Amino acid sequence: MDVAQQPRLGCLSEKALTDSGRAGDPPDRPAEWATLTHQLRYHDDYPPLARPLPLHWARLAGEYVLPVAGTKSAGSTSSAS
């Protein structure tokens, strides 16, 4: 199939499509991605979320694993005299 006959995937750079291996793929359907993303905001265990559930879990994991900014370390506590 000639490059001119290939369906456009919404990308302005044909080189970027070729480099990523997407040159021969059918185009994405944005409405299906939007529907999936919207449906992932709703889960039985949570109220409606601002982000899709996988991103919500990633944020929670980041809060759990990473130290909270602005907290003092255990060695820098001062005693009240």
N, C-alpha and C. Protein backbone atom coordinates (compact mmCIF):
# COMPACT_ATOMS: atom_id res chain seq x y z
N MET A 1 0.85 -1.18 0.00
CA MET A 1 0.00 0.00 0.00
C MET A 1 0.89 1.24 0.00
N ASP A 2 0.57 2.16 -0.85
CA ASP A 2 1.32 3.40 -0.97
C ASP A 2 1.06 4.28 0.25
N VAL A 3 2.07 5.06 0.64
CA VAL A 3 1.94 5.93 1.81
C VAL A 3 0.79 6.91 1.63
N ALA A 4 0.57 7.38 0.41
CA ALA A 4 -0.51 8.34 0.15
C ALA A 4 -1.88 7.69 0.31
N GLN A 5 -1.98 6.36 0.15
CA GLN A 5 -3.26 5.67 0.25
C GLN A 5 -3.56 5.21 1.68
N GLN A 6 -2.58 5.26 2.56
CA GLN A 6 -2.80 4.81 3.93
C GLN A 6 -3.71 5.79 4.66
N PRO A 7 -4.59 5.27 5.53
CA PRO A 7 -5.45 6.17 6.29
C PRO A 7 -4.63 6.98 7.29
N ARG A 8 -5.01 8.20 7.48
CA ARG A 8 -4.32 9.07 8.44
C ARG A 8 -4.74 8.67 9.85
N LEU A 9 -3.79 8.70 10.77
CA LEU A 9 -4.07 8.35 12.15
C LEU A 9 -4.18 9.59 13.04
N GLY A 10 -4.34 10.74 12.43
CA GLY A 10 -4.46 11.96 13.20
C GLY A 10 -3.12 12.54 13.62
N CYS A 11 -2.05 12.06 13.04
CA CYS A 11 -0.71 12.53 13.37
C CYS A 11 -0.17 13.33 12.19
N LEU A 12 0.47 14.43 12.46
CA LEU A 12 0.98 15.26 11.38
C LEU A 12 2.28 14.74 10.81
N SER A 13 2.96 13.86 11.52
CA SER A 13 4.26 13.37 11.09
C SER A 13 4.18 11.91 10.68
N GLU A 14 4.32 11.63 9.41
CA GLU A 14 4.33 10.24 8.94
C GLU A 14 5.54 9.50 9.50
N LYS A 15 6.65 10.21 9.69
CA LYS A 15 7.85 9.58 10.25
C LYS A 15 7.58 9.09 11.67
N ALA A 16 6.84 9.87 12.45
CA ALA A 16 6.52 9.46 13.82
C ALA A 16 5.67 8.20 13.81
N LEU A 17 4.73 8.10 12.87
CA LEU A 17 3.91 6.89 12.75
C LEU A 17 4.75 5.69 12.36
N THR A 18 5.65 5.89 11.43
CA THR A 18 6.51 4.79 10.98
C THR A 18 7.45 4.35 12.09
N ASP A 19 8.05 5.30 12.81
CA ASP A 19 8.97 4.98 13.89
C ASP A 19 8.29 4.25 15.04
N SER A 20 7.02 4.55 15.28
CA SER A 20 6.30 3.92 16.38
C SER A 20 5.64 2.61 15.97
N GLY A 21 5.73 2.26 14.69
CA GLY A 21 5.13 1.01 14.22
C GLY A 21 3.65 1.09 13.97
N ARG A 22 3.09 2.28 13.85
CA ARG A 22 1.66 2.47 13.65
C ARG A 22 1.29 2.80 12.22
N ALA A 23 2.22 2.72 11.28
CA ALA A 23 1.97 3.17 9.91
C ALA A 23 0.87 2.36 9.23
N GLY A 24 0.76 1.07 9.48
CA GLY A 24 -0.24 0.26 8.79
C GLY A 24 -1.49 -0.01 9.61
N ASP A 25 -1.59 0.53 10.82
CA ASP A 25 -2.74 0.27 11.70
C ASP A 25 -3.95 1.09 11.29
N PRO A 26 -5.14 0.58 11.61
CA PRO A 26 -6.35 1.39 11.36
C PRO A 26 -6.37 2.58 12.33
N PRO A 27 -7.04 3.64 11.95
CA PRO A 27 -7.04 4.84 12.82
C PRO A 27 -7.78 4.58 14.13
N ASP A 28 -7.38 5.29 15.18
CA ASP A 28 -8.08 5.22 16.46
C ASP A 28 -9.45 5.86 16.32
N ARG A 29 -10.37 5.42 17.17
CA ARG A 29 -11.70 6.02 17.20
C ARG A 29 -11.82 6.75 18.54
N PRO A 30 -11.67 8.08 18.53
CA PRO A 30 -11.63 8.84 19.77
C PRO A 30 -12.88 8.67 20.64
N ALA A 31 -14.04 8.48 20.05
CA ALA A 31 -15.26 8.32 20.84
C ALA A 31 -15.19 7.07 21.72
N GLU A 32 -14.60 6.00 21.21
CA GLU A 32 -14.47 4.79 22.02
C GLU A 32 -13.50 4.99 23.17
N TRP A 33 -12.40 5.70 22.95
CA TRP A 33 -11.45 5.99 24.02
C TRP A 33 -12.09 6.88 25.08
N ALA A 34 -12.87 7.87 24.65
CA ALA A 34 -13.54 8.76 25.60
C ALA A 34 -14.56 7.99 26.43
N THR A 35 -15.30 7.08 25.79
CA THR A 35 -16.28 6.27 26.51
C THR A 35 -15.61 5.37 27.53
N LEU A 36 -14.53 4.71 27.15
CA LEU A 36 -13.80 3.85 28.07
C LEU A 36 -13.26 4.65 29.26
N THR A 37 -12.66 5.79 28.99
CA THR A 37 -12.11 6.62 30.05
C THR A 37 -13.21 7.07 31.01
N HIS A 38 -14.36 7.46 30.46
CA HIS A 38 -15.48 7.90 31.30
C HIS A 38 -16.00 6.74 32.16
N GLN A 39 -16.13 5.55 31.57
CA GLN A 39 -16.63 4.41 32.32
C GLN A 39 -15.67 3.98 33.42
N LEU A 40 -14.37 4.17 33.23
CA LEU A 40 -13.39 3.81 34.24
C LEU A 40 -13.42 4.75 35.45
N ARG A 41 -14.18 5.83 35.38
CA ARG A 41 -14.32 6.72 36.52
C ARG A 41 -15.30 6.17 37.56
N TYR A 42 -16.08 5.18 37.19
CA TYR A 42 -17.11 4.64 38.08
C TYR A 42 -16.74 3.23 38.51
N HIS A 43 -16.77 3.00 39.83
CA HIS A 43 -16.45 1.70 40.39
C HIS A 43 -17.34 1.50 41.60
N ASP A 44 -17.68 0.26 41.91
CA ASP A 44 -18.60 -0.02 43.02
C ASP A 44 -18.05 0.43 44.37
N ASP A 45 -16.74 0.38 44.57
CA ASP A 45 -16.15 0.69 45.86
C ASP A 45 -15.85 2.16 46.07
N TYR A 46 -16.00 2.98 45.05
CA TYR A 46 -15.65 4.39 45.14
C TYR A 46 -16.80 5.25 44.63
N PRO A 47 -16.91 6.49 45.15
CA PRO A 47 -17.83 7.44 44.51
C PRO A 47 -17.24 7.82 43.14
N PRO A 48 -18.00 8.48 42.28
CA PRO A 48 -17.43 8.87 40.98
C PRO A 48 -16.11 9.63 41.16
N LEU A 49 -15.11 9.23 40.40
CA LEU A 49 -13.77 9.78 40.54
C LEU A 49 -13.51 10.87 39.50
N ALA A 50 -12.57 11.74 39.80
CA ALA A 50 -12.17 12.77 38.84
C ALA A 50 -11.30 12.18 37.74
N ARG A 51 -10.57 11.09 38.08
CA ARG A 51 -9.69 10.43 37.12
C ARG A 51 -10.15 9.00 36.92
N PRO A 52 -9.76 8.35 35.83
CA PRO A 52 -10.06 6.92 35.66
C PRO A 52 -9.44 6.12 36.81
N LEU A 53 -10.05 4.99 37.15
CA LEU A 53 -9.63 4.19 38.30
C LEU A 53 -8.15 3.81 38.29
N PRO A 54 -7.57 3.37 37.17
CA PRO A 54 -6.13 3.06 37.21
C PRO A 54 -5.27 4.27 37.58
N LEU A 55 -5.64 5.46 37.11
CA LEU A 55 -4.88 6.66 37.48
C LEU A 55 -5.11 7.03 38.94
N HIS A 56 -6.31 6.79 39.45
CA HIS A 56 -6.61 7.02 40.87
C HIS A 56 -5.74 6.12 41.74
N TRP A 57 -5.66 4.84 41.38
CA TRP A 57 -4.83 3.90 42.14
C TRP A 57 -3.35 4.28 42.06
N ALA A 58 -2.92 4.74 40.90
CA ALA A 58 -1.52 5.15 40.76
C ALA A 58 -1.23 6.34 41.66
N ARG A 59 -2.15 7.27 41.75
CA ARG A 59 -1.97 8.43 42.63
C ARG A 59 -1.90 7.99 44.09
N LEU A 60 -2.81 7.09 44.48
CA LEU A 60 -2.78 6.59 45.86
C LEU A 60 -1.48 5.86 46.15
N ALA A 61 -1.00 5.08 45.21
CA ALA A 61 0.26 4.36 45.40
C ALA A 61 1.41 5.35 45.54
N GLY A 62 1.40 6.40 44.75
CA GLY A 62 2.43 7.42 44.86
C GLY A 62 2.41 8.11 46.20
N GLU A 63 1.22 8.39 46.73
CA GLU A 63 1.11 9.00 48.05
C GLU A 63 1.60 8.05 49.13
N TYR A 64 1.38 6.77 48.95
CA TYR A 64 1.78 5.78 49.94
C TYR A 64 3.29 5.54 49.92
N VAL A 65 3.85 5.48 48.73
CA VAL A 65 5.26 5.13 48.59
C VAL A 65 6.18 6.33 48.76
N LEU A 66 5.83 7.45 48.17
CA LEU A 66 6.71 8.62 48.19
C LEU A 66 6.52 9.41 49.48
N PRO A 67 7.58 10.00 50.00
CA PRO A 67 7.43 10.82 51.21
C PRO A 67 6.62 12.08 50.91
N VAL A 68 5.94 12.54 51.91
CA VAL A 68 5.12 13.74 51.75
C VAL A 68 6.03 14.97 51.79
N ALA A 69 5.86 15.84 50.85
CA ALA A 69 6.69 17.05 50.77
C ALA A 69 6.36 17.96 51.95
N GLY A 70 7.37 18.55 52.52
CA GLY A 70 7.16 19.51 53.61
C GLY A 70 7.15 18.89 54.99
N THR A 71 7.30 17.59 55.12
CA THR A 71 7.34 16.99 56.44
C THR A 71 8.76 17.00 56.96
N LYS A 72 8.89 17.04 58.26
CA LYS A 72 10.22 17.04 58.89
C LYS A 72 10.68 15.60 59.06
N SER A 73 11.96 15.36 58.93
CA SER A 73 12.49 14.04 59.15
C SER A 73 12.55 13.77 60.65
N ALA A 74 12.65 12.50 61.03
CA ALA A 74 12.63 12.11 62.44
C ALA A 74 13.80 12.71 63.21
N GLY A 75 14.94 12.93 62.59
CA GLY A 75 16.12 13.46 63.26
C GLY A 75 16.05 14.95 63.52
N SER A 76 15.12 15.65 62.93
CA SER A 76 15.08 17.11 63.08
C SER A 76 13.96 17.56 64.01
N THR A 77 13.41 16.66 64.82
CA THR A 77 12.36 17.08 65.76
C THR A 77 12.99 17.80 66.93
N SER A 78 12.32 18.77 67.43
CA SER A 78 12.83 19.52 68.58
C SER A 78 11.93 19.26 69.77
N SER A 79 12.50 19.28 70.96
CA SER A 79 11.71 19.07 72.16
C SER A 79 11.26 20.41 72.70
N ALA A 80 10.06 20.43 73.24
CA ALA A 80 9.52 21.66 73.80
C ALA A 80 10.03 21.80 75.23
N SER A 81 10.72 22.90 75.54
CA SER A 81 11.26 23.09 76.90
C SER A 81 10.61 24.26 77.56
